[in-house]
Amino acid sequence: RIRDVTCEYSPRYGRINGLDFVQEFEFVPPSQFRNQLDELEIVFFPNEDGIELLLQIDRKARGLAGLFADALDTDESFVKIRFDHNQLAYGVDYVADQLLETIHKHV
């Protein structure tokens, strides 16, 4: 479920789409990640070969070390994942499985 969508100034990642801004989609963590994630943010970069996604995986703080990690933003992982046209042709379930597998690796 989408929690929020924002347009953000991002000259680093905006260059991919030729602009200094990106549209960031913030999602409520799916039920299997509710105790592990604060949020999941995704920026989509469509291109002629398929689509590239930049995932910001924000883990929940646990204990004192988790509070420090949260304060210093070290509780976040940035992960790129690409899907070419052949992979996209496998359908929504394939893409969802790949996203879940990627998130599992970073929580």
PDB file of N, CA and C in Angstrom:
ATOM      1  N   ARG A   1       0.847  -1.180   0.000  1.00  0.00           N
ATOM      2  CA  ARG A   1       0.000   0.000   0.000  1.00  0.00           C
ATOM      3  C   ARG A   1       0.886   1.235   0.000  1.00  0.00           C
ATOM      4  N   ILE A   2       0.554   2.198  -0.832  1.00  0.00           N
ATOM      5  CA  ILE A   2       1.328   3.441  -0.919  1.00  0.00           C
ATOM      6  C   ILE A   2       0.957   4.339   0.248  1.00  0.00           C
ATOM      7  N   ARG A   3       1.972   4.836   0.945  1.00  0.00           N
ATOM      8  CA  ARG A   3       1.769   5.770   2.046  1.00  0.00           C
ATOM      9  C   ARG A   3       1.867   7.206   1.538  1.00  0.00           C
ATOM     10  N   ASP A   4       2.819   7.452   0.631  1.00  0.00           N
ATOM     11  CA  ASP A   4       3.073   8.823   0.185  1.00  0.00           C
ATOM     12  C   ASP A   4       3.838   8.787  -1.137  1.00  0.00           C
ATOM     13  N   VAL A   5       3.659   9.820  -1.931  1.00  0.00           N
ATOM     14  CA  VAL A   5       4.441   9.999  -3.152  1.00  0.00           C
ATOM     15  C   VAL A   5       4.927  11.437  -3.151  1.00  0.00           C
ATOM     16  N   THR A   6       6.238  11.607  -3.336  1.00  0.00           N
ATOM     17  CA  THR A   6       6.805  12.954  -3.330  1.00  0.00           C
ATOM     18  C   THR A   6       7.727  13.137  -4.527  1.00  0.00           C
ATOM     19  N   CYS A   7       7.883  14.382  -4.926  1.00  0.00           N
ATOM     20  CA  CYS A   7       8.868  14.762  -5.927  1.00  0.00           C
ATOM     21  C   CYS A   7      10.029  15.371  -5.148  1.00  0.00           C
ATOM     22  N   GLU A   8      11.226  14.812  -5.320  1.00  0.00           N
ATOM     23  CA  GLU A   8      12.363  15.256  -4.527  1.00  0.00           C
ATOM     24  C   GLU A   8      13.499  15.718  -5.420  1.00  0.00           C
ATOM     25  N   TYR A   9      14.165  16.770  -4.971  1.00  0.00           N
ATOM     26  CA  TYR A   9      15.363  17.248  -5.651  1.00  0.00           C
ATOM     27  C   TYR A   9      16.470  16.229  -5.438  1.00  0.00           C
ATOM     28  N   SER A  10      17.007  15.722  -6.507  1.00  0.00           N
ATOM     29  CA  SER A  10      18.038  14.696  -6.417  1.00  0.00           C
ATOM     30  C   SER A  10      18.912  14.754  -7.662  1.00  0.00           C
ATOM     31  N   PRO A  11      19.854  15.701  -7.686  1.00  0.00           N
ATOM     32  CA  PRO A  11      20.678  15.823  -8.888  1.00  0.00           C
ATOM     33  C   PRO A  11      21.460  14.555  -9.213  1.00  0.00           C
ATOM     34  N   ARG A  12      21.825  13.786  -8.190  1.00  0.00           N
ATOM     35  CA  ARG A  12      22.588  12.554  -8.428  1.00  0.00           C
ATOM     36  C   ARG A  12      21.760  11.524  -9.194  1.00  0.00           C
ATOM     37  N   TYR A  13      20.569  11.224  -8.692  1.00  0.00           N
ATOM     38  CA  TYR A  13      19.735  10.207  -9.329  1.00  0.00           C
ATOM     39  C   TYR A  13      18.850  10.790 -10.418  1.00  0.00           C
ATOM     40  N   GLY A  14      18.579  12.078 -10.333  1.00  0.00           N
ATOM     41  CA  GLY A  14      17.771  12.717 -11.359  1.00  0.00           C
ATOM     42  C   GLY A  14      18.427  12.703 -12.723  1.00  0.00           C
ATOM     43  N   ARG A  15      19.742  12.659 -12.748  1.00  0.00           N
ATOM     44  CA  ARG A  15      20.452  12.642 -14.032  1.00  0.00           C
ATOM     45  C   ARG A  15      20.096  11.413 -14.864  1.00  0.00           C
ATOM     46  N   ILE A  16      19.697  10.362 -14.204  1.00  0.00           N
ATOM     47  CA  ILE A  16      19.314   9.146 -14.923  1.00  0.00           C
ATOM     48  C   ILE A  16      18.132   9.431 -15.846  1.00  0.00           C
ATOM     49  N   ASN A  17      17.190  10.258 -15.378  1.00  0.00           N
ATOM     50  CA  ASN A  17      16.025  10.573 -16.202  1.00  0.00           C
ATOM     51  C   ASN A  17      16.143  11.936 -16.878  1.00  0.00           C
ATOM     52  N   GLY A  18      17.321  12.570 -16.773  1.00  0.00           N
ATOM     53  CA  GLY A  18      17.548  13.844 -17.437  1.00  0.00           C
ATOM     54  C   GLY A  18      17.029  15.045 -16.672  1.00  0.00           C
ATOM     55  N   LEU A  19      16.584  14.845 -15.451  1.00  0.00           N
ATOM     56  CA  LEU A  19      16.061  15.931 -14.628  1.00  0.00           C
ATOM     57  C   LEU A  19      16.786  15.932 -13.291  1.00  0.00           C
ATOM     58  N   ASP A  20      16.625  16.999 -12.532  1.00  0.00           N
ATOM     59  CA  ASP A  20      17.226  17.051 -11.198  1.00  0.00           C
ATOM     60  C   ASP A  20      16.261  16.567 -10.118  1.00  0.00           C
ATOM     61  N   PHE A  21      15.123  16.035 -10.537  1.00  0.00           N
ATOM     62  CA  PHE A  21      14.115  15.586  -9.585  1.00  0.00           C
ATOM     63  C   PHE A  21      13.733  14.136  -9.870  1.00  0.00           C
ATOM     64  N   VAL A  22      13.333  13.452  -8.822  1.00  0.00           N
ATOM     65  CA  VAL A  22      12.812  12.093  -8.961  1.00  0.00           C
ATOM     66  C   VAL A  22      11.489  12.012  -8.214  1.00  0.00           C
ATOM     67  N   GLN A  23      10.655  11.089  -8.614  1.00  0.00           N
ATOM     68  CA  GLN A  23       9.407  10.832  -7.909  1.00  0.00           C
ATOM     69  C   GLN A  23       9.625   9.609  -7.030  1.00  0.00           C
ATOM     70  N   GLU A  24       9.429   9.802  -5.726  1.00  0.00           N
ATOM     71  CA  GLU A  24       9.699   8.748  -4.749  1.00  0.00           C
ATOM     72  C   GLU A  24       8.381   8.229  -4.186  1.00  0.00           C
ATOM     73  N   PHE A  25       8.216   6.910  -4.254  1.00  0.00           N
ATOM     74  CA  PHE A  25       7.022   6.252  -3.735  1.00  0.00           C
ATOM     75  C   PHE A  25       7.370   5.616  -2.398  1.00  0.00           C
ATOM     76  N   GLU A  26       6.632   5.990  -1.364  1.00  0.00           N
ATOM     77  CA  GLU A  26       6.843   5.418  -0.027  1.00  0.00           C
ATOM     78  C   GLU A  26       5.721   4.424   0.251  1.00  0.00           C
ATOM     79  N   PHE A  27       6.124   3.208   0.617  1.00  0.00           N
ATOM     80  CA  PHE A  27       5.162   2.140   0.855  1.00  0.00           C
ATOM     81  C   PHE A  27       5.126   1.752   2.323  1.00  0.00           C
ATOM     82  N   VAL A  28       3.929   1.400   2.791  1.00  0.00           N
ATOM     83  CA  VAL A  28       3.772   0.773   4.098  1.00  0.00           C
ATOM     84  C   VAL A  28       4.357  -0.629   3.951  1.00  0.00           C
ATOM     85  N   PRO A  29       5.200  -1.067   4.891  1.00  0.00           N
ATOM     86  CA  PRO A  29       5.784  -2.406   4.757  1.00  0.00           C
ATOM     87  C   PRO A  29       4.702  -3.484   4.700  1.00  0.00           C
ATOM     88  N   PRO A  30       4.879  -4.476   3.810  1.00  0.00           N
ATOM     89  CA  PRO A  30       3.927  -5.587   3.784  1.00  0.00           C
ATOM     90  C   PRO A  30       3.919  -6.310   5.122  1.00  0.00           C
ATOM     91  N   SER A  31       2.874  -7.045   5.389  1.00  0.00           N
ATOM     92  CA  SER A  31       2.688  -7.670   6.702  1.00  0.00           C
ATOM     93  C   SER A  31       3.885  -8.501   7.148  1.00  0.00           C
ATOM     94  N   GLN A  32       4.548  -9.218   6.241  1.00  0.00           N
ATOM     95  CA  GLN A  32       5.673 -10.057   6.658  1.00  0.00           C
ATOM     96  C   GLN A  32       6.896  -9.244   7.082  1.00  0.00           C
ATOM     97  N   PHE A  33       6.896  -7.922   6.821  1.00  0.00           N
ATOM     98  CA  PHE A  33       8.029  -7.073   7.198  1.00  0.00           C
ATOM     99  C   PHE A  33       7.667  -6.013   8.241  1.00  0.00           C
ATOM    100  N   ARG A  34       6.443  -6.026   8.756  1.00  0.00           N
ATOM    101  CA  ARG A  34       6.005  -4.964   9.676  1.00  0.00           C
ATOM    102  C   ARG A  34       6.892  -4.830  10.905  1.00  0.00           C
ATOM    103  N   ASN A  35       7.426  -5.933  11.400  1.00  0.00           N
ATOM    104  CA  ASN A  35       8.273  -5.867  12.595  1.00  0.00           C
ATOM    105  C   ASN A  35       9.731  -5.597  12.264  1.00  0.00           C
ATOM    106  N   GLN A  36      10.064  -5.551  10.984  1.00  0.00           N
ATOM    107  CA  GLN A  36      11.452  -5.369  10.584  1.00  0.00           C
ATOM    108  C   GLN A  36      11.720  -4.051   9.874  1.00  0.00           C
ATOM    109  N   LEU A  37      10.697  -3.484   9.229  1.00  0.00           N
ATOM    110  CA  LEU A  37      10.892  -2.275   8.437  1.00  0.00           C
ATOM    111  C   LEU A  37      10.054  -1.116   8.947  1.00  0.00           C
ATOM    112  N   ASP A  38      10.648   0.082   8.889  1.00  0.00           N
ATOM    113  CA  ASP A  38       9.876   1.299   9.121  1.00  0.00           C
ATOM    114  C   ASP A  38       9.142   1.687   7.848  1.00  0.00           C
ATOM    115  N   GLU A  39       9.880   1.622   6.734  1.00  0.00           N
ATOM    116  CA  GLU A  39       9.278   1.985   5.464  1.00  0.00           C
ATOM    117  C   GLU A  39      10.122   1.441   4.318  1.00  0.00           C
ATOM    118  N   LEU A  40       9.527   1.462   3.155  1.00  0.00           N
ATOM    119  CA  LEU A  40      10.201   1.083   1.930  1.00  0.00           C
ATOM    120  C   LEU A  40       9.913   2.181   0.919  1.00  0.00           C
ATOM    121  N   GLU A  41      10.971   2.774   0.380  1.00  0.00           N
ATOM    122  CA  GLU A  41      10.806   3.815  -0.626  1.00  0.00           C
ATOM    123  C   GLU A  41      11.402   3.311  -1.933  1.00  0.00           C
ATOM    124  N   ILE A  42      10.713   3.615  -3.030  1.00  0.00           N
ATOM    125  CA  ILE A  42      11.174   3.160  -4.343  1.00  0.00           C
ATOM    126  C   ILE A  42      11.106   4.311  -5.334  1.00  0.00           C
ATOM    127  N   VAL A  43      12.192   4.452  -6.100  1.00  0.00           N
ATOM    128  CA  VAL A  43      12.225   5.376  -7.229  1.00  0.00           C
ATOM    129  C   VAL A  43      12.341   4.513  -8.481  1.00  0.00           C
ATOM    130  N   PHE A  44      11.493   4.785  -9.458  1.00  0.00           N
ATOM    131  CA  PHE A  44      11.452   4.004 -10.694  1.00  0.00           C
ATOM    132  C   PHE A  44      12.149   4.772 -11.813  1.00  0.00           C
ATOM    133  N   PHE A  45      13.007   4.081 -12.550  1.00  0.00           N
ATOM    134  CA  PHE A  45      13.704   4.673 -13.687  1.00  0.00           C
ATOM    135  C   PHE A  45      13.444   3.822 -14.931  1.00  0.00           C
ATOM    136  N   PRO A  46      12.345   4.091 -15.642  1.00  0.00           N
ATOM    137  CA  PRO A  46      12.100   3.330 -16.867  1.00  0.00           C
ATOM    138  C   PRO A  46      13.129   3.710 -17.930  1.00  0.00           C
ATOM    139  N   ASN A  47      13.510   2.740 -18.749  1.00  0.00           N
ATOM    140  CA  ASN A  47      14.428   3.013 -19.849  1.00  0.00           C
ATOM    141  C   ASN A  47      14.081   2.090 -21.010  1.00  0.00           C
ATOM    142  N   GLU A  48      14.818   2.208 -22.095  1.00  0.00           N
ATOM    143  CA  GLU A  48      14.481   1.425 -23.293  1.00  0.00           C
ATOM    144  C   GLU A  48      14.679  -0.078 -23.109  1.00  0.00           C
ATOM    145  N   ASP A  49      15.481  -0.476 -22.118  1.00  0.00           N
ATOM    146  CA  ASP A  49      15.743  -1.896 -21.884  1.00  0.00           C
ATOM    147  C   ASP A  49      14.791  -2.533 -20.874  1.00  0.00           C
ATOM    148  N   GLY A  50      14.047  -1.720 -20.136  1.00  0.00           N
ATOM    149  CA  GLY A  50      13.154  -2.228 -19.094  1.00  0.00           C
ATOM    150  C   GLY A  50      12.938  -1.169 -18.030  1.00  0.00           C
ATOM    151  N   ILE A  51      13.255  -1.522 -16.790  1.00  0.00           N
ATOM    152  CA  ILE A  51      13.098  -0.570 -15.688  1.00  0.00           C
ATOM    153  C   ILE A  51      14.137  -0.860 -14.614  1.00  0.00           C
ATOM    154  N   GLU A  52      14.634   0.210 -14.017  1.00  0.00           N
ATOM    155  CA  GLU A  52      15.555   0.099 -12.890  1.00  0.00           C
ATOM    156  C   GLU A  52      14.856   0.707 -11.679  1.00  0.00           C
ATOM    157  N   LEU A  53      14.975   0.031 -10.541  1.00  0.00           N
ATOM    158  CA  LEU A  53      14.369   0.520  -9.303  1.00  0.00           C
ATOM    159  C   LEU A  53      15.467   0.785  -8.293  1.00  0.00           C
ATOM    160  N   LEU A  54      15.352   1.894  -7.601  1.00  0.00           N
ATOM    161  CA  LEU A  54      16.226   2.191  -6.471  1.00  0.00           C
ATOM    162  C   LEU A  54      15.373   2.039  -5.221  1.00  0.00           C
ATOM    163  N   LEU A  55      15.725   1.055  -4.397  1.00  0.00           N
ATOM    164  CA  LEU A  55      14.988   0.782  -3.165  1.00  0.00           C
ATOM    165  C   LEU A  55      15.739   1.365  -1.980  1.00  0.00           C
ATOM    166  N   GLN A  56      15.027   2.076  -1.133  1.00  0.00           N
ATOM    167  CA  GLN A  56      15.565   2.514   0.153  1.00  0.00           C
ATOM    168  C   GLN A  56      14.835   1.691   1.209  1.00  0.00           C
ATOM    169  N   ILE A  57      15.577   0.766   1.804  1.00  0.00           N
ATOM    170  CA  ILE A  57      15.013  -0.159   2.780  1.00  0.00           C
ATOM    171  C   ILE A  57      15.381   0.349   4.165  1.00  0.00           C
ATOM    172  N   ASP A  58      14.393   0.849   4.905  1.00  0.00           N
ATOM    173  CA  ASP A  58      14.609   1.474   6.212  1.00  0.00           C
ATOM    174  C   ASP A  58      14.182   0.497   7.305  1.00  0.00           C
ATOM    175  N   ARG A  59      15.184  -0.074   7.984  1.00  0.00           N
ATOM    176  CA  ARG A  59      14.922  -1.075   9.026  1.00  0.00           C
ATOM    177  C   ARG A  59      14.472  -0.407  10.327  1.00  0.00           C
ATOM    178  N   LYS A  60      13.660  -1.122  11.102  1.00  0.00           N
ATOM    179  CA  LYS A  60      13.218  -0.638  12.416  1.00  0.00           C
ATOM    180  C   LYS A  60      14.363  -0.688  13.406  1.00  0.00           C
ATOM    181  N   ALA A  61      14.379   0.290  14.292  1.00  0.00           N
ATOM    182  CA  ALA A  61      15.395   0.333  15.346  1.00  0.00           C
ATOM    183  C   ALA A  61      15.075  -0.716  16.403  1.00  0.00           C
ATOM    184  N   ARG A  62      16.120  -1.455  16.812  1.00  0.00           N
ATOM    185  CA  ARG A  62      15.973  -2.455  17.875  1.00  0.00           C
ATOM    186  C   ARG A  62      17.071  -2.230  18.889  1.00  0.00           C
ATOM    187  N   GLY A  63      16.687  -2.025  20.117  1.00  0.00           N
ATOM    188  CA  GLY A  63      17.663  -1.857  21.189  1.00  0.00           C
ATOM    189  C   GLY A  63      18.451  -0.568  21.055  1.00  0.00           C
ATOM    190  N   LEU A  64      19.459  -0.411  21.902  1.00  0.00           N
ATOM    191  CA  LEU A  64      20.268   0.802  21.934  1.00  0.00           C
ATOM    192  C   LEU A  64      21.041   0.989  20.635  1.00  0.00           C
ATOM    193  N   ALA A  65      21.639  -0.076  20.124  1.00  0.00           N
ATOM    194  CA  ALA A  65      22.390   0.016  18.868  1.00  0.00           C
ATOM    195  C   ALA A  65      21.466   0.438  17.726  1.00  0.00           C
ATOM    196  N   GLY A  66      20.245  -0.066  17.740  1.00  0.00           N
ATOM    197  CA  GLY A  66      19.277   0.302  16.719  1.00  0.00           C
ATOM    198  C   GLY A  66      18.890   1.764  16.786  1.00  0.00           C
ATOM    199  N   LEU A  67      18.790   2.301  18.001  1.00  0.00           N
ATOM    200  CA  LEU A  67      18.476   3.724  18.150  1.00  0.00           C
ATOM    201  C   LEU A  67      19.588   4.593  17.584  1.00  0.00           C
ATOM    202  N   PHE A  68      20.839   4.207  17.841  1.00  0.00           N
ATOM    203  CA  PHE A  68      21.964   4.955  17.278  1.00  0.00           C
ATOM    204  C   PHE A  68      21.972   4.841  15.754  1.00  0.00           C
ATOM    205  N   ALA A  69      21.724   3.646  15.245  1.00  0.00           N
ATOM    206  CA  ALA A  69      21.687   3.443  13.797  1.00  0.00           C
ATOM    207  C   ALA A  69      20.592   4.295  13.165  1.00  0.00           C
ATOM    208  N   ASP A  70      19.440   4.375  13.821  1.00  0.00           N
ATOM    209  CA  ASP A  70      18.333   5.181  13.326  1.00  0.00           C
ATOM    210  C   ASP A  70      18.713   6.658  13.319  1.00  0.00           C
ATOM    211  N   ALA A  71      19.342   7.122  14.392  1.00  0.00           N
ATOM    212  CA  ALA A  71      19.738   8.527  14.499  1.00  0.00           C
ATOM    213  C   ALA A  71      20.776   8.897  13.442  1.00  0.00           C
ATOM    214  N   LEU A  72      21.647   7.955  13.105  1.00  0.00           N
ATOM    215  CA  LEU A  72      22.716   8.224  12.141  1.00  0.00           C
ATOM    216  C   LEU A  72      22.355   7.789  10.718  1.00  0.00           C
ATOM    217  N   ASP A  73      21.130   7.343  10.524  1.00  0.00           N
ATOM    218  CA  ASP A  73      20.648   6.854   9.229  1.00  0.00           C
ATOM    219  C   ASP A  73      21.461   5.687   8.678  1.00  0.00           C
ATOM    220  N   THR A  74      22.083   4.908   9.562  1.00  0.00           N
ATOM    221  CA  THR A  74      22.797   3.715   9.099  1.00  0.00           C
ATOM    222  C   THR A  74      21.880   2.494   9.107  1.00  0.00           C
ATOM    223  N   ASP A  75      20.610   2.719   9.410  1.00  0.00           N
ATOM    224  CA  ASP A  75      19.626   1.637   9.391  1.00  0.00           C
ATOM    225  C   ASP A  75      18.964   1.508   8.023  1.00  0.00           C
ATOM    226  N   GLU A  76      19.507   2.227   7.039  1.00  0.00           N
ATOM    227  CA  GLU A  76      18.932   2.217   5.702  1.00  0.00           C
ATOM    228  C   GLU A  76      19.881   1.551   4.716  1.00  0.00           C
ATOM    229  N   SER A  77      19.324   0.794   3.813  1.00  0.00           N
ATOM    230  CA  SER A  77      20.090   0.208   2.714  1.00  0.00           C
ATOM    231  C   SER A  77      19.533   0.756   1.413  1.00  0.00           C
ATOM    232  N   PHE A  78      20.426   1.100   0.509  1.00  0.00           N
ATOM    233  CA  PHE A  78      20.030   1.517  -0.834  1.00  0.00           C
ATOM    234  C   PHE A  78      20.415   0.399  -1.790  1.00  0.00           C
ATOM    235  N   VAL A  79      19.441  -0.088  -2.524  1.00  0.00           N
ATOM    236  CA  VAL A  79      19.649  -1.246  -3.386  1.00  0.00           C
ATOM    237  C   VAL A  79      19.058  -0.949  -4.765  1.00  0.00           C
ATOM    238  N   LYS A  80      19.831  -1.236  -5.805  1.00  0.00           N
ATOM    239  CA  LYS A  80      19.312  -1.120  -7.170  1.00  0.00           C
ATOM    240  C   LYS A  80      18.933  -2.506  -7.667  1.00  0.00           C
ATOM    241  N   ILE A  81      17.821  -2.558  -8.355  1.00  0.00           N
ATOM    242  CA  ILE A  81      17.393  -3.806  -8.985  1.00  0.00           C
ATOM    243  C   ILE A  81      16.869  -3.454 -10.376  1.00  0.00           C
ATOM    244  N   ARG A  82      17.218  -4.291 -11.340  1.00  0.00           N
ATOM    245  CA  ARG A  82      16.819  -4.045 -12.729  1.00  0.00           C
ATOM    246  C   ARG A  82      15.962  -5.198 -13.242  1.00  0.00           C
ATOM    247  N   PHE A  83      15.007  -4.824 -14.073  1.00  0.00           N
ATOM    248  CA  PHE A  83      14.183  -5.808 -14.767  1.00  0.00           C
ATOM    249  C   PHE A  83      14.203  -5.464 -16.249  1.00  0.00           C
ATOM    250  N   ASP A  84      14.669  -6.405 -17.071  1.00  0.00           N
ATOM    251  CA  ASP A  84      14.622  -6.167 -18.511  1.00  0.00           C
ATOM    252  C   ASP A  84      13.244  -6.602 -19.035  1.00  0.00           C
ATOM    253  N   HIS A  85      13.020  -6.371 -20.309  1.00  0.00           N
ATOM    254  CA  HIS A  85      11.699  -6.678 -20.884  1.00  0.00           C
ATOM    255  C   HIS A  85      11.346  -8.160 -20.756  1.00  0.00           C
ATOM    256  N   ASN A  86      12.341  -9.028 -20.900  1.00  0.00           N
ATOM    257  CA  ASN A  86      12.074 -10.467 -20.763  1.00  0.00           C
ATOM    258  C   ASN A  86      11.614 -10.807 -19.349  1.00  0.00           C
ATOM    259  N   GLN A  87      12.271 -10.230 -18.345  1.00  0.00           N
ATOM    260  CA  GLN A  87      11.871 -10.482 -16.958  1.00  0.00           C
ATOM    261  C   GLN A  87      10.485  -9.913 -16.683  1.00  0.00           C
ATOM    262  N   LEU A  88      10.215  -8.722 -17.191  1.00  0.00           N
ATOM    263  CA  LEU A  88       8.903  -8.110 -16.985  1.00  0.00           C
ATOM    264  C   LEU A  88       7.797  -8.940 -17.635  1.00  0.00           C
ATOM    265  N   ALA A  89       8.132  -9.629 -18.723  1.00  0.00           N
ATOM    266  CA  ALA A  89       7.141 -10.458 -19.416  1.00  0.00           C
ATOM    267  C   ALA A  89       6.699 -11.652 -18.569  1.00  0.00           C
ATOM    268  N   TYR A  90       7.493 -12.022 -17.560  1.00  0.00           N
ATOM    269  CA  TYR A  90       7.090 -13.112 -16.664  1.00  0.00           C
ATOM    270  C   TYR A  90       5.896 -12.716 -15.799  1.00  0.00           C
ATOM    271  N   GLY A  91       5.644 -11.419 -15.668  1.00  0.00           N
ATOM    272  CA  GLY A  91       4.459 -10.957 -14.967  1.00  0.00           C
ATOM    273  C   GLY A  91       4.708 -10.415 -13.572  1.00  0.00           C
ATOM    274  N   VAL A  92       3.623  -9.963 -12.985  1.00  0.00           N
ATOM    275  CA  VAL A  92       3.646  -9.297 -11.684  1.00  0.00           C
ATOM    276  C   VAL A  92       4.163 -10.209 -10.579  1.00  0.00           C
ATOM    277  N   ASP A  93       3.761 -11.463 -10.593  1.00  0.00           N
ATOM    278  CA  ASP A  93       4.194 -12.385  -9.535  1.00  0.00           C
ATOM    279  C   ASP A  93       5.707 -12.558  -9.533  1.00  0.00           C
ATOM    280  N   TYR A  94       6.297 -12.642 -10.713  1.00  0.00           N
ATOM    281  CA  TYR A  94       7.758 -12.773 -10.812  1.00  0.00           C
ATOM    282  C   TYR A  94       8.445 -11.546 -10.218  1.00  0.00           C
ATOM    283  N   VAL A  95       7.986 -10.360 -10.626  1.00  0.00           N
ATOM    284  CA  VAL A  95       8.584  -9.117 -10.123  1.00  0.00           C
ATOM    285  C   VAL A  95       8.413  -9.029  -8.610  1.00  0.00           C
ATOM    286  N   ALA A  96       7.224  -9.351  -8.110  1.00  0.00           N
ATOM    287  CA  ALA A  96       6.967  -9.312  -6.663  1.00  0.00           C
ATOM    288  C   ALA A  96       7.894 -10.266  -5.923  1.00  0.00           C
ATOM    289  N   ASP A  97       8.086 -11.469  -6.448  1.00  0.00           N
ATOM    290  CA  ASP A  97       8.991 -12.437  -5.809  1.00  0.00           C
ATOM    291  C   ASP A  97      10.420 -11.918  -5.764  1.00  0.00           C
ATOM    292  N   GLN A  98      10.864 -11.291  -6.848  1.00  0.00           N
ATOM    293  CA  GLN A  98      12.224 -10.750  -6.890  1.00  0.00           C
ATOM    294  C   GLN A  98      12.392  -9.606  -5.885  1.00  0.00           C
ATOM    295  N   LEU A  99      11.373  -8.765  -5.772  1.00  0.00           N
ATOM    296  CA  LEU A  99      11.425  -7.667  -4.798  1.00  0.00           C
ATOM    297  C   LEU A  99      11.455  -8.214  -3.373  1.00  0.00           C
ATOM    298  N   LEU A 100      10.603  -9.189  -3.075  1.00  0.00           N
ATOM    299  CA  LEU A 100      10.584  -9.785  -1.731  1.00  0.00           C
ATOM    300  C   LEU A 100      11.928 -10.424  -1.393  1.00  0.00           C
ATOM    301  N   GLU A 101      12.507 -11.118  -2.344  1.00  0.00           N
ATOM    302  CA  GLU A 101      13.815 -11.747  -2.125  1.00  0.00           C
ATOM    303  C   GLU A 101      14.887 -10.691  -1.840  1.00  0.00           C
ATOM    304  N   THR A 102      14.851  -9.601  -2.580  1.00  0.00           N
ATOM    305  CA  THR A 102      15.816  -8.514  -2.380  1.00  0.00           C
ATOM    306  C   THR A 102      15.643  -7.877  -1.010  1.00  0.00           C
ATOM    307  N   ILE A 103      14.411  -7.622  -0.616  1.00  0.00           N
ATOM    308  CA  ILE A 103      14.148  -7.017   0.694  1.00  0.00           C
ATOM    309  C   ILE A 103      14.596  -7.955   1.805  1.00  0.00           C
ATOM    310  N   HIS A 104      14.303  -9.244   1.686  1.00  0.00           N
ATOM    311  CA  HIS A 104      14.727 -10.234   2.696  1.00  0.00           C
ATOM    312  C   HIS A 104      16.234 -10.188   2.917  1.00  0.00           C
ATOM    313  N   LYS A 105      16.988  -9.976   1.863  1.00  0.00           N
ATOM    314  CA  LYS A 105      18.455  -9.942   1.973  1.00  0.00           C
ATOM    315  C   LYS A 105      18.959  -8.734   2.761  1.00  0.00           C
ATOM    316  N   HIS A 106      18.129  -7.694   2.887  1.00  0.00           N
ATOM    317  CA  HIS A 106      18.593  -6.439   3.484  1.00  0.00           C
ATOM    318  C   HIS A 106      17.890  -6.057   4.781  1.00  0.00           C
ATOM    319  N   VAL A 107      17.116  -6.979   5.366  1.00  0.00           N
ATOM    320  CA  VAL A 107      16.495  -6.670   6.666  1.00  0.00           C
ATOM    321  C   VAL A 107      17.235  -7.368   7.780  1.00  0.00           C
TER     322      VAL A 107
END
